[in-house]
Each structure stands twice: as C-alpha cells, then as structure tokens.
Protein backbone atom coordinates (compact mmCIF):
# COMPACT_ATOMS: atom_id res chain seq x y z
CA MET A 1 -25.83 18.27 -27.08
CA THR A 2 -25.37 21.18 -25.23
CA VAL A 3 -22.52 23.18 -23.07
CA HIS A 4 -25.16 22.71 -19.94
CA ARG A 5 -24.49 20.77 -17.14
CA VAL A 6 -23.54 20.37 -13.44
CA MET A 7 -19.71 21.83 -13.33
CA GLY A 8 -17.38 23.41 -10.90
CA ILE A 9 -13.68 24.98 -10.16
CA GLU A 10 -11.58 24.31 -7.52
CA THR A 11 -8.35 26.17 -7.28
CA GLU A 12 -5.49 26.35 -4.76
CA TYR A 13 -3.54 29.62 -4.50
CA GLY A 14 0.00 30.11 -4.42
CA ILE A 15 0.90 31.68 -0.98
CA SER A 16 4.03 33.87 0.01
CA VAL A 17 5.38 35.84 2.73
CA PRO A 18 7.79 38.67 1.58
CA GLY A 19 11.14 38.77 3.48
CA LYS A 20 9.75 35.42 5.57
CA PRO A 21 10.24 32.69 3.42
CA HIS A 22 10.19 29.94 6.53
CA VAL A 23 6.67 31.17 7.34
CA ASN A 24 4.70 27.87 8.47
CA ALA A 25 2.57 28.14 4.83
CA MET A 26 -0.26 25.94 6.99
CA LEU A 27 -0.96 28.30 9.51
CA ALA A 28 -0.59 31.10 6.91
CA SER A 29 -3.11 29.76 4.54
CA SER A 30 -5.34 29.39 7.62
CA GLN A 31 -5.16 32.97 8.78
CA ILE A 32 -6.62 33.55 4.95
CA VAL A 33 -9.36 31.56 5.47
CA ASN A 34 -10.09 32.82 9.15
CA ALA A 35 -9.43 36.64 8.03
CA TYR A 36 -12.23 36.37 5.42
CA ALA A 37 -14.39 33.49 7.20
CA HIS A 38 -14.73 36.06 10.74
CA ASP A 39 -14.90 39.40 8.37
CA THR A 40 -17.94 38.11 6.72
CA LEU A 41 -19.74 35.47 8.48
CA GLY A 42 -19.72 36.31 11.74
CA GLU A 43 -18.56 34.44 14.97
CA ARG A 44 -21.22 31.49 15.00
CA ARG A 45 -21.32 30.62 11.46
CA VAL A 46 -17.38 30.12 11.60
CA ARG A 47 -17.98 27.34 13.81
CA ALA A 48 -20.25 25.25 10.65
CA ARG A 49 -18.00 22.42 10.18
CA TRP A 50 -17.54 20.74 6.11
CA ASP A 51 -18.94 17.50 7.02
CA TYR A 52 -17.27 14.55 5.99
CA ASP A 53 -18.86 11.67 6.46
CA GLU A 54 -20.31 10.86 3.14
CA GLU A 55 -16.71 11.46 1.01
CA ASN A 56 -14.86 8.46 -0.19
CA PRO A 57 -11.71 10.25 -1.93
CA LEU A 58 -9.69 6.27 -2.40
CA ARG A 59 -12.84 4.95 -4.48
CA ASP A 60 -11.39 4.27 -7.83
CA ALA A 61 -12.98 4.33 -11.22
CA ARG A 62 -11.57 1.61 -12.72
CA GLY A 63 -13.52 -0.81 -9.83
CA PHE A 64 -11.92 -0.58 -6.54
CA ASP A 65 -10.83 1.27 -3.42
CA LEU A 66 -7.43 2.09 -2.59
CA SER A 67 -6.31 0.68 1.27
CA ARG A 68 -6.07 4.22 3.64
CA ALA A 69 -2.86 2.24 4.32
CA GLU A 70 -1.60 2.42 0.58
CA ALA A 71 -2.88 6.01 0.27
CA ASP A 72 -0.43 8.99 -0.23
CA PRO A 73 -1.53 11.53 3.18
CA THR A 74 -2.57 14.04 0.69
CA GLN A 75 -5.17 11.94 -0.56
CA LEU A 76 -6.70 11.35 2.85
CA THR A 77 -8.99 14.29 2.03
CA ASP A 78 -12.29 12.84 4.18
CA GLU A 79 -9.63 13.45 7.70
CA ASP A 80 -10.98 16.51 9.39
CA LEU A 81 -7.05 17.96 10.28
CA GLY A 82 -8.37 21.15 12.24
CA LEU A 83 -7.41 23.41 9.83
CA ALA A 84 -9.81 26.25 8.67
CA ASN A 85 -12.64 25.04 6.41
CA VAL A 86 -15.51 27.41 5.89
CA ILE A 87 -18.68 27.45 3.95
CA LEU A 88 -19.88 30.64 2.23
CA THR A 89 -23.15 32.28 2.26
CA ASN A 90 -22.77 31.95 -2.01
CA GLY A 91 -22.27 28.15 -2.02
CA ALA A 92 -18.91 27.97 -2.31
CA ARG A 93 -15.97 26.18 0.05
CA LEU A 94 -13.12 27.98 1.61
CA TYR A 95 -10.66 26.14 3.13
CA VAL A 96 -6.94 24.93 3.65
CA ASP A 97 -5.55 22.21 1.28
CA HIS A 98 -2.40 21.15 0.96
CA ALA A 99 -0.46 24.21 3.01
CA HIS A 100 -2.57 26.64 0.15
CA PRO A 101 -5.73 28.30 0.98
CA GLU A 102 -8.37 27.04 -1.57
CA TYR A 103 -11.60 28.33 -3.03
CA SER A 104 -14.50 25.49 -4.61
CA THR A 105 -16.35 26.89 -6.44
CA PRO A 106 -20.58 26.49 -6.04
CA GLU A 107 -22.26 23.76 -8.41
CA VAL A 108 -23.13 25.57 -11.51
CA THR A 109 -24.84 24.40 -14.60
CA ASN A 110 -22.98 26.41 -17.74
CA PRO A 111 -19.45 27.74 -18.53
CA PHE A 112 -20.83 31.08 -17.78
CA ASP A 113 -21.73 30.87 -14.14
CA ALA A 114 -18.49 28.75 -13.92
CA VAL A 115 -16.33 31.69 -14.60
CA LEU A 116 -19.00 34.21 -12.99
CA TRP A 117 -18.03 32.30 -9.69
CA ASP A 118 -14.59 31.19 -9.95
CA THR A 119 -14.04 35.51 -10.65
CA ALA A 120 -15.95 36.03 -7.57
CA GLY A 121 -13.54 33.44 -5.86
CA GLN A 122 -10.42 35.68 -7.29
CA ARG A 123 -11.96 38.66 -5.74
CA ILE A 124 -12.79 36.91 -2.33
CA MET A 125 -9.42 35.38 -2.17
CA ALA A 126 -7.72 38.96 -2.62
CA ARG A 127 -9.95 40.24 0.45
CA ALA A 128 -8.85 37.96 2.46
CA ALA A 129 -5.22 38.50 2.19
CA GLN A 130 -6.01 42.12 2.94
CA LEU A 131 -7.97 40.85 5.86
CA ALA A 132 -5.25 39.07 7.50
CA ALA A 133 -2.37 41.14 6.72
CA ALA A 134 -4.35 44.18 8.62
CA ALA A 135 -4.94 41.79 12.03
CA PRO A 136 -3.47 42.30 15.10
CA GLY A 137 -0.04 40.47 14.17
CA GLY A 138 -0.81 40.02 10.65
CA LEU A 139 1.84 39.18 7.78
CA PRO A 140 2.29 41.25 4.48
CA LEU A 141 0.49 37.54 2.78
CA GLN A 142 0.16 37.91 -0.95
CA LEU A 143 -1.76 34.94 -2.87
CA TYR A 144 -1.14 34.16 -6.64
CA LYS A 145 -3.63 32.99 -8.85
CA ASN A 146 -0.78 30.35 -10.08
CA ASN A 147 0.81 26.92 -10.18
CA THR A 148 4.13 26.17 -9.38
CA ASP A 149 6.40 27.99 -6.84
CA ASN A 150 9.11 27.29 -9.92
CA LYS A 151 10.91 25.43 -7.25
CA GLY A 152 9.34 21.66 -8.11
CA ALA A 153 6.07 22.52 -6.49
CA SER A 154 3.17 22.57 -7.80
CA TYR A 155 -0.31 23.27 -6.39
CA GLY A 156 -3.73 22.31 -8.71
CA THR A 157 -6.61 23.75 -10.67
CA HIS A 158 -9.21 21.30 -10.84
CA GLU A 159 -12.54 20.90 -13.04
CA ASN A 160 -15.25 18.96 -12.52
CA TYR A 161 -17.99 17.91 -13.84
CA LEU A 162 -21.16 15.41 -13.44
CA MET A 163 -21.41 13.12 -16.31
CA SER A 164 -23.75 9.65 -17.08
CA ARG A 165 -22.09 6.62 -15.24
CA ALA A 166 -23.67 4.69 -17.99
CA THR A 167 -20.33 5.91 -19.97
CA ARG A 168 -17.75 3.36 -19.83
CA PHE A 169 -14.75 4.42 -18.09
CA PRO A 170 -11.86 3.09 -20.70
CA ASP A 171 -14.28 5.18 -23.52
CA ILE A 172 -13.41 8.21 -21.34
CA VAL A 173 -9.81 7.48 -20.92
CA THR A 174 -9.76 7.29 -24.96
CA GLY A 175 -11.53 10.04 -25.55
CA LEU A 176 -10.75 13.03 -23.58
CA THR A 177 -6.64 11.90 -23.47
CA PRO A 178 -6.08 13.92 -26.81
CA PHE A 179 -8.09 16.36 -26.09
CA PHE A 180 -6.70 17.06 -22.39
CA VAL A 181 -2.94 16.98 -24.67
CA SER A 182 -4.00 19.57 -27.12
CA ARG A 183 -6.21 22.22 -25.30
CA GLN A 184 -3.48 23.85 -23.68
CA VAL A 185 -3.24 25.83 -26.85
CA PHE A 186 -6.11 27.75 -25.39
CA THR A 187 -5.78 26.85 -21.62
CA GLY A 188 -2.48 27.23 -20.79
CA ALA A 189 -1.41 30.00 -18.45
CA GLY A 190 2.17 30.21 -19.75
CA ARG A 191 5.33 29.49 -17.86
CA VAL A 192 9.10 30.73 -17.40
CA GLY A 193 11.21 27.86 -17.48
CA LEU A 194 11.09 24.24 -18.33
CA GLY A 195 10.72 21.47 -15.89
CA GLN A 196 9.04 20.60 -12.68
CA ASP A 197 11.93 23.04 -11.39
CA GLY A 198 11.88 25.25 -13.72
CA SER A 199 15.79 25.01 -14.24
CA ARG A 200 15.98 24.95 -17.52
CA THR A 201 15.73 28.19 -19.58
CA GLY A 202 12.70 28.68 -21.89
CA PHE A 203 8.98 29.42 -22.43
CA GLN A 204 6.28 27.04 -21.95
CA ILE A 205 2.64 27.30 -22.71
CA SER A 206 1.40 25.35 -19.15
CA GLN A 207 2.23 25.88 -16.11
CA ARG A 208 1.23 22.53 -15.00
CA ALA A 209 2.19 20.03 -17.84
CA ASP A 210 5.51 19.11 -16.67
CA PHE A 211 4.20 17.79 -13.34
CA PHE A 212 2.53 14.54 -15.37
CA GLU A 213 3.86 12.09 -14.92
CA VAL A 214 1.53 8.85 -15.53
CA GLU A 215 -1.81 8.60 -18.08
CA VAL A 216 -4.31 7.17 -15.70
CA GLY A 217 -4.72 7.12 -11.81
CA LEU A 218 -5.92 8.12 -8.79
CA GLU A 219 -3.36 10.53 -7.57
CA THR A 220 -3.44 14.44 -7.62
CA THR A 221 -0.38 15.18 -5.69
CA ILE A 222 2.18 12.85 -6.66
CA LYS A 223 2.13 10.73 -10.49
CA ARG A 224 -0.01 13.24 -11.29
CA PRO A 225 -1.86 11.30 -13.97
CA ILE A 226 -3.69 12.92 -17.40
CA ILE A 227 -6.63 11.24 -16.56
CA ASN A 228 -7.80 11.20 -13.26
CA THR A 229 -9.68 7.87 -11.39
CA ARG A 230 -11.25 9.52 -8.10
CA ASP A 231 -14.69 8.30 -8.38
CA GLU A 232 -16.66 10.70 -5.94
CA PRO A 233 -19.76 12.05 -7.50
CA HIS A 234 -21.49 13.78 -4.46
CA ALA A 235 -24.52 12.80 -6.05
CA ASP A 236 -26.17 9.60 -7.02
CA PRO A 237 -23.96 7.60 -7.85
CA GLU A 238 -25.75 4.74 -9.41
CA ILE A 239 -26.65 7.62 -12.00
CA TYR A 240 -23.72 10.02 -12.36
CA ARG A 241 -19.88 9.93 -11.91
CA ARG A 242 -18.15 12.71 -11.31
CA LEU A 243 -15.41 13.84 -13.89
CA HIS A 244 -12.30 15.03 -11.88
CA VAL A 245 -9.92 17.44 -14.34
CA ILE A 246 -6.54 17.62 -12.83
CA VAL A 247 -4.46 18.82 -15.65
CA GLY A 248 -5.82 22.14 -16.16
CA ASP A 249 -4.14 25.84 -15.82
CA ALA A 250 -5.13 28.86 -13.46
CA ASN A 251 -6.30 31.15 -15.56
CA LEU A 252 -6.70 34.92 -14.75
CA SER A 253 -8.32 35.24 -18.51
CA GLU A 254 -11.81 34.84 -18.30
CA THR A 255 -12.01 34.02 -21.31
CA ALA A 256 -9.89 31.59 -21.27
CA THR A 257 -11.65 29.92 -18.30
CA TYR A 258 -15.42 29.87 -20.19
CA LEU A 259 -13.62 28.25 -23.38
CA LYS A 260 -11.89 25.61 -20.95
CA VAL A 261 -15.07 24.28 -19.25
CA GLY A 262 -16.76 24.98 -22.18
CA THR A 263 -14.87 23.21 -24.56
CA THR A 264 -14.97 20.25 -22.55
CA ALA A 265 -18.38 20.32 -21.55
CA LEU A 266 -19.18 19.75 -25.59
CA VAL A 267 -16.38 17.34 -25.63
CA LEU A 268 -18.37 15.12 -22.89
CA SER A 269 -21.69 15.57 -24.12
CA ALA A 270 -20.30 13.57 -27.47
CA LEU A 271 -18.63 11.29 -25.41
CA GLU A 272 -21.45 10.37 -24.00
CA ALA A 273 -23.10 9.67 -27.23
CA GLY A 274 -20.27 7.47 -28.32
CA ALA A 275 -19.67 10.39 -30.94
CA VAL A 276 -16.00 10.77 -30.32
CA PRO A 277 -13.84 8.52 -32.37
CA SER A 278 -10.96 6.31 -30.95
CA THR A 279 -8.46 7.31 -33.09
CA LEU A 280 -6.81 10.49 -32.02
CA MET A 281 -5.49 8.74 -29.01
CA PRO A 282 -1.23 9.95 -28.89
CA ARG A 283 1.55 6.98 -29.05
CA LYS A 284 2.72 8.38 -25.59
CA PRO A 285 0.54 10.55 -24.09
CA VAL A 286 2.49 11.98 -21.42
CA ALA A 287 5.84 12.89 -23.56
CA GLU A 288 3.08 15.02 -25.66
CA LEU A 289 1.79 16.53 -22.85
CA HIS A 290 5.00 17.96 -22.35
CA ALA A 291 6.16 18.50 -25.86
CA VAL A 292 2.74 20.55 -26.45
CA SER A 293 3.98 22.47 -23.38
CA HIS A 294 7.06 23.27 -24.67
CA ASP A 295 6.53 24.45 -28.52
CA PRO A 296 4.77 27.82 -27.89
CA ASP A 297 5.58 27.99 -31.77
CA LEU A 298 2.59 25.62 -31.88
CA ARG A 299 4.64 23.55 -34.55
CA HIS A 300 4.69 19.92 -32.65
CA ARG A 301 3.36 17.07 -34.11
CA ILE A 302 1.78 15.17 -31.87
CA GLU A 303 2.06 11.38 -33.21
CA LEU A 304 -1.36 9.44 -32.84
CA GLN A 305 -1.62 5.97 -32.31
CA ASP A 306 -2.46 5.71 -36.29
CA GLY A 307 1.09 6.89 -37.29
CA ARG A 308 -0.68 10.28 -38.15
CA ARG A 309 0.79 13.65 -36.52
CA LEU A 310 -1.41 16.47 -36.31
CA THR A 311 -0.32 19.70 -34.65
CA ALA A 312 -2.28 20.65 -31.02
CA VAL A 313 -4.16 23.01 -32.87
CA ASP A 314 -5.35 20.11 -35.77
CA LEU A 315 -6.50 17.81 -33.46
CA GLN A 316 -8.28 20.72 -31.62
CA TRP A 317 -10.11 20.98 -34.77
CA GLU A 318 -11.15 17.36 -34.81
CA PHE A 319 -12.72 17.64 -31.58
CA HIS A 320 -14.30 20.56 -32.48
CA GLU A 321 -16.05 18.81 -35.91
CA VAL A 322 -17.00 16.86 -33.38
CA ALA A 323 -19.27 18.74 -31.31
CA ALA A 324 -20.24 20.70 -34.47
CA LYS A 325 -21.45 17.84 -35.60
CA HIS A 326 -23.37 16.57 -32.83
CA VAL A 327 -24.72 19.62 -31.79
CA ALA A 328 -26.34 19.77 -35.24
CA ASP A 329 -27.57 16.41 -35.25
CA THR A 330 -28.82 17.04 -32.04
CA GLN A 331 -29.87 20.53 -31.88
CA GLY A 332 -30.56 21.70 -35.03
CA ALA A 333 -31.44 24.70 -35.53
CA SER A 334 -32.94 24.65 -31.79
CA VAL A 335 -29.36 25.47 -30.22
CA ASP A 336 -29.37 27.67 -27.28
CA ASP A 337 -27.16 30.47 -27.14
CA GLN A 338 -24.26 29.42 -24.63
CA THR A 339 -23.76 26.02 -27.11
CA GLN A 340 -22.97 28.30 -29.86
CA ASP A 341 -21.41 31.03 -28.35
CA VAL A 342 -18.80 28.44 -27.29
CA LEU A 343 -18.55 26.97 -30.51
CA ASP A 344 -17.68 29.61 -32.41
CA LEU A 345 -15.29 31.05 -30.05
CA TRP A 346 -13.67 27.77 -30.00
CA ALA A 347 -13.79 27.88 -34.00
CA GLU A 348 -12.33 31.57 -33.71
CA THR A 349 -9.77 31.06 -31.04
CA LEU A 350 -8.22 28.04 -33.62
CA GLU A 351 -8.39 30.17 -36.39
CA ALA A 352 -5.86 32.64 -34.80
CA LEU A 353 -3.62 30.01 -33.75
CA GLY A 354 -3.12 28.95 -36.79
CA THR A 355 -2.83 32.36 -38.39
CA ASP A 356 -1.76 34.85 -35.81
CA PRO A 357 -1.70 33.70 -32.38
CA GLU A 358 -0.43 37.22 -31.02
CA SER A 359 -4.31 38.50 -32.03
CA LEU A 360 -5.06 36.40 -29.14
CA SER A 361 -3.43 38.52 -26.58
CA ASP A 362 -6.52 40.03 -25.15
CA ARG A 363 -7.94 36.53 -24.22
CA ILE A 364 -5.90 33.65 -23.88
CA ASP A 365 -3.33 34.09 -20.68
CA TRP A 366 0.15 32.69 -22.44
CA ILE A 367 -0.02 34.88 -24.94
CA ALA A 368 -1.01 37.93 -22.71
CA LYS A 369 2.11 36.52 -20.69
CA LYS A 370 4.04 35.73 -23.79
CA VAL A 371 3.53 39.23 -25.41
CA LEU A 372 4.30 41.15 -21.82
CA LEU A 373 7.54 39.22 -21.46
CA ASP A 374 8.76 39.47 -24.41
CA GLY A 375 8.33 43.33 -24.77
CA TYR A 376 10.67 43.47 -21.44
CA ARG A 377 13.15 40.95 -23.60
CA ARG A 378 13.55 43.17 -26.66
CA ARG A 379 13.37 46.80 -24.43
CA ASP A 380 16.35 45.02 -21.70
CA GLY A 381 17.60 42.46 -23.67
CA LEU A 382 16.87 39.99 -21.87
CA GLU A 383 17.67 36.19 -22.10
CA TRP A 384 14.61 33.62 -20.82
CA GLY A 385 16.87 33.30 -18.06
CA ALA A 386 16.70 36.22 -16.63
CA PRO A 387 15.81 37.00 -13.12
CA ARG A 388 13.15 39.58 -13.88
CA LEU A 389 11.12 37.52 -16.25
CA GLU A 390 10.32 35.08 -13.77
CA LEU A 391 8.76 38.30 -11.40
CA VAL A 392 7.14 39.29 -14.37
CA ASP A 393 5.30 35.59 -14.53
CA LEU A 394 4.54 35.70 -11.09
CA GLN A 395 2.97 38.99 -10.77
CA TYR A 396 0.92 37.92 -14.04
CA SER A 397 -0.77 35.79 -11.21
CA ASP A 398 -0.81 38.05 -8.00
CA VAL A 399 -4.81 38.56 -6.97
CA ARG A 400 -4.47 42.48 -5.77
CA PRO A 401 -6.01 44.37 -8.25
CA ASP A 402 -3.56 46.90 -8.44
CA LYS A 403 -0.49 44.98 -8.34
CA GLY A 404 -1.44 41.97 -10.60
CA LEU A 405 -0.34 42.12 -14.33
CA ALA A 406 -3.78 40.21 -15.33
CA ASN A 407 -5.80 42.29 -13.37
CA ARG A 408 -3.81 45.62 -14.60
CA LEU A 409 -4.32 44.48 -18.53
CA ALA A 410 -8.36 43.93 -17.82
CA GLU A 411 -8.98 46.81 -16.33
CA ARG A 412 -6.90 48.66 -18.92
CA GLY A 413 -9.21 46.70 -21.71
CA ARG A 414 -6.50 44.73 -22.91
CA LEU A 415 -7.85 41.26 -21.28
CA ARG A 416 -11.44 40.62 -22.46
CA ARG A 417 -13.69 39.98 -19.55
CA ILE A 418 -17.02 38.22 -19.90
CA THR A 419 -18.55 39.30 -16.41
CA THR A 420 -19.05 42.57 -15.08
CA ASP A 421 -18.62 43.96 -11.86
CA GLU A 422 -21.86 44.39 -10.50
CA GLN A 423 -22.22 39.98 -11.21
CA VAL A 424 -18.84 39.46 -9.93
CA ALA A 425 -20.22 41.72 -6.34
CA HIS A 426 -23.38 39.62 -6.57
CA ALA A 427 -21.79 36.31 -6.58
CA ILE A 428 -19.39 37.08 -3.93
CA GLY A 429 -22.06 36.90 -1.59
CA HIS A 430 -24.96 34.73 -3.10
CA PRO A 431 -25.59 31.32 -4.62
CA PRO A 432 -26.33 30.35 -8.40
CA GLU A 433 -30.24 29.89 -8.17
CA ASP A 434 -30.55 26.85 -10.14
CA THR A 435 -28.21 24.07 -8.12
CA ARG A 436 -28.61 23.10 -4.67
CA ALA A 437 -25.37 25.70 -4.04
CA TRP A 438 -28.79 27.84 -3.65
CA PHE A 439 -30.12 26.34 -0.87
CA ARG A 440 -26.80 25.39 1.05
CA GLY A 441 -25.78 29.55 0.43
CA GLU A 442 -28.74 30.25 1.53
CA CYS A 443 -29.20 28.20 4.70
CA LEU A 444 -26.33 29.99 5.59
CA ARG A 445 -26.91 33.43 4.56
CA ARG A 446 -30.72 33.13 6.51
CA TYR A 447 -30.26 30.58 9.57
CA GLY A 448 -26.32 30.25 9.83
CA ASP A 449 -26.06 30.40 13.52
CA ASP A 450 -28.12 26.57 13.37
CA VAL A 451 -26.00 25.25 10.40
CA ALA A 452 -23.89 22.77 12.67
CA ALA A 453 -22.02 21.50 9.33
CA ALA A 454 -22.56 20.90 5.19
CA SER A 455 -21.04 19.39 2.33
CA TRP A 456 -21.73 19.45 -1.27
CA ASP A 457 -24.82 17.12 -0.86
CA SER A 458 -26.53 18.01 2.99
CA VAL A 459 -26.97 20.50 5.37
CA ILE A 460 -26.76 19.55 8.87
CA PHE A 461 -28.37 21.60 11.24
CA ASP A 462 -28.03 21.54 15.35
CA LEU A 463 -31.36 22.91 16.35
CA PRO A 464 -32.48 23.33 20.16
CA ASP A 465 -35.30 21.95 20.49
CA ARG A 466 -33.96 18.48 19.17
CA SER A 467 -31.46 16.33 20.61
CA ALA A 468 -29.73 14.86 17.71
CA LEU A 469 -27.98 16.57 14.66
CA GLN A 470 -31.16 17.59 11.39
CA ARG A 471 -29.44 16.00 8.18
CA VAL A 472 -30.99 17.59 5.23
CA PRO A 473 -29.93 15.54 2.29
CA THR A 474 -28.97 17.49 -1.25
CA LEU A 475 -28.29 14.48 -3.04
CA ASP A 476 -29.20 15.51 -6.12
CA PRO A 477 -27.62 19.32 -7.41
CA LEU A 478 -30.66 19.88 -9.70
CA ARG A 479 -32.66 20.01 -6.87
CA GLY A 480 -32.63 22.42 -3.85
CA THR A 481 -32.61 25.23 -6.29
CA ARG A 482 -34.53 28.59 -5.79
CA GLN A 483 -37.21 27.45 -7.99
CA HIS A 484 -37.63 23.70 -6.05
CA VAL A 485 -37.17 25.30 -2.26
CA GLY A 486 -37.41 29.11 -2.35
CA GLY A 487 -41.08 29.32 -1.26
CA VAL A 488 -40.35 26.75 1.40
CA LEU A 489 -37.46 29.07 2.95
CA ASP A 490 -39.32 32.35 2.55
CA ARG A 491 -41.75 30.78 4.26
CA ALA A 492 -40.01 29.51 7.01
CA GLY A 493 -39.21 31.93 9.94
CA SER A 494 -36.42 29.89 11.35
CA ALA A 495 -34.02 26.63 10.85
CA ALA A 496 -36.04 24.86 13.36
CA ASP A 497 -39.59 25.91 10.69
CA LEU A 498 -37.90 25.15 8.01
CA VAL A 499 -36.53 21.17 9.38
CA ARG A 500 -40.06 20.84 10.37
CA MET A 501 -41.62 21.90 6.47
CA LEU A 502 -39.12 19.33 4.92
CA THR A 503 -39.75 16.63 7.18
CA GLY A 504 -43.00 16.45 7.82
CA ASP A 505 -42.09 16.19 11.64
C-alpha cells in the first residue's frame, strides 16, 4: 500500500485573444504548439508525428467497443487531423485537442513527480504563448489553466492511473464515486457563477462539477460521467487498466495537485486490495457532486444509499481511515516517506476544513481564490454577480508569471510550492528517469532527426539504411528507464546503432 504507481496528468488550457473573440481557436492553439516546438526542437524534430496506431479510445471497460458511427466526433482521438502535435524531450506530449492546446505529462511513478512535470507544463505553456505572440503576424494569445469559459463550455484536466486489471470495474464504480464526489473540498479550483453557463450568481468550489451529467460513461465532452469507462491502458491489457479520471479541476496550487493525485493513489491501492467498503455510495451521485460544489460553507450533507448523511469532509475522513489502516496493515513501520507525507497532509487538510477553512488559503485553490474575491467584495461592496469578480477569477489562472494571480501569490509565498525553480527548469527539458518516458524523451533529445513518430508505448525510427520504419515497442511503463537502458543509449553513437543493439539485427 503506497502512493507509488504509474500516473500522469493531461491539461487542456483555456485560450483567448483579447479584442478578437472570433479568432479560430484551432488555428490559435496550433500557433501556440508550433511556436514552442520550432523554438525548442528545431525544424527536423517537429516533423516527428504522434503514432495513433495502437490507440483505441472507443473500447469500454464494461466489455464492449462503441462503434465509430455511434461515437461523438470528439471521442475519435485516434484520428490524425493534421493539427499541431509534438513529442517533447521531457517525454511529454504537446498538441491541439478540441480547439485547446493540451499538455500531457510524461508517465511518472509518484505524486511529487506528477506535480513537478505538471508545473513544468504550465511553464512550457507560458513560454509557448510568449513565442507565438512574438512571431511575425502573431496574435497576443493568452492562456489560462482553468476549466471553463463561463459561457457554457468546459475543457478538461484529466488524471491517469495505471491499476490492476484484476480489480472488477463495478467495484471501481462503487469505491471511487463517493471519493470523487467529496474530494473536491481540497481539489476544487473555485469558480464565480453557478450552472454550466455561470449565469446564476454565487461562488462554488469546483470549476468542473456542474458539467457532469451521468454516473458512468465513455464520453468526455458530452454527457460527462463521474466514472469514465475508457479502456485504453497504453500497456499490457492483460495486466493493467488505465483509470482515466475526468472529474478533477486544473489546480494552480502544487499542494492541491499533490493531494489530488496522492490521495487518489492511496484509495486505488486500498480498492485493489478490496479494502474500500461498498457502503459509502451516495444515493444520487451527480446531484451530490453539484451540491457539494455549490456549498463553500461545507455544511451540505450527502445522502448515502444506506440512509446516512455525511458532509463531504466527513466522507473524506472515511476514506482517510480506510487508507491509513491499509497502509498500517501492509507497510507497518516501513512506510515510505511520500506515502506518509500524503497521509499526514490529507489529515491536516481535513482537520482545517472542519475548523478553519481559511487557514488553507496558502494551499487549496478554491479557498485562496475565495479569500481574494472576498477581499474585493468587502472593499468595493461587490455582489457575486459583479463582472469584476469574474475577471479576478479568470486572472487567477493566467499562466503568465507576472499577470496570473496564483503565480503572484506563489511568488510572494502566499501559495505553497513543493517544487523549486531549479527542479522545474530541469523537468521542462528532461524526462523522469524511472519510467519509459526516459527512453522516449532521450531518443528525441539524442536522435531526434531520426525519430519518425512516437506514442506512449512505442518509438518509431526512420533510418537511412533501412527500407522500413523501425518500431521499438515500450509496452511496459516501468521499462525503458535510465537504469534499464541508459547504458545502451550511452554506447549508441546513432539511432541506427541503438536499433541494432536493441534488436540484435
């Protein structure tokens, strides 16, 4: 029982062009991605495409494949639409998805690294927007790490966790639904406005909650489900499933991101062991997801199927107790530092949410944002419907270091960081060393001119002495690490040498 498992975060960034509301979002997003790619990778490496051959976004964990005719076009993520799509030397993917620039972190093995490469992505996006605006004829593009335009549209921040295929999917639904309904009390990014279009006045905990309409489903952009059923592990499907979590917010607070992925990893470990009780399921999960978000006072009581009524904080304590017991039962006194740190921070956060939520304004996004907004409201006598408050909400998520309110809070020490600038700078250009992302990123860095394509589970070389493309599979996320293949790459003077050494041909 530990927080260590293969995981990653993918974030679609909000994009706007001040004074030009009708600019084509796909074109603007492509300019963002291409500007960064050409500046950092060079002309030849930009031509390396994303390999879609092994992707299957319509396979459902409930045991069937949705037909392409029935699927919404936004579900066909295995089609190359010719939009900007590059692989970075840190193992990440930077591309255009649903008219938004998206950054998908490389695979990592622990919550801290998830935070580190997610923060690197935020810095990459800020630099990309700056480069795009400075290009000849460039537009003053602005990016936001948020989840809604407050006009009825939402874009996602998805988490991915590799977990055991042996865990029954119905148990995943029963075990995780109450956890996701309630965890927003520390993962929510905060939002001015209620309802999908934000037309009702008020402040809520989560930016995403109002956009969820069903309990379980395959879709991610329509009829959004609390539990997503996409069954696309990017690994050996006999051993693993990839839990694709779409119910989270885009966090600017590193502590909130750390808690989000760390607590989820702990609950997944307990779930795989059959230690999560089935008695925590809400009677009406979707309605409760909305109700919890609409209650920043944290007083709403969730009605469970067994008739009990618990606040979201109470429900999180139930999960903390399960996780802490399972850690003690399986690890005893030998629990690793990061697992213990997540458990302690989780308990500390829940204690403060129950007694003094504002004391968490230096680590929980929705509370940090609400404290800022309440200050404006008191000073200027503003009601929640005031347009200025919406602008403050948006500015909180601006990725520019000198403009984004979250960035400015962090710079002043008022929003806790768990990474350093030096660590983030390294992660911008280098992959994690303990997953297959190291092989992918290093191949791009060392032999980028010969990489024709790559994906999560392969790197494809186009070599002058070979008539066919050479695919190097990387199906196991925990192979292709620096320890595993570092010596081979160090001895290979070229991509051709590397392929010969790996294949024996």
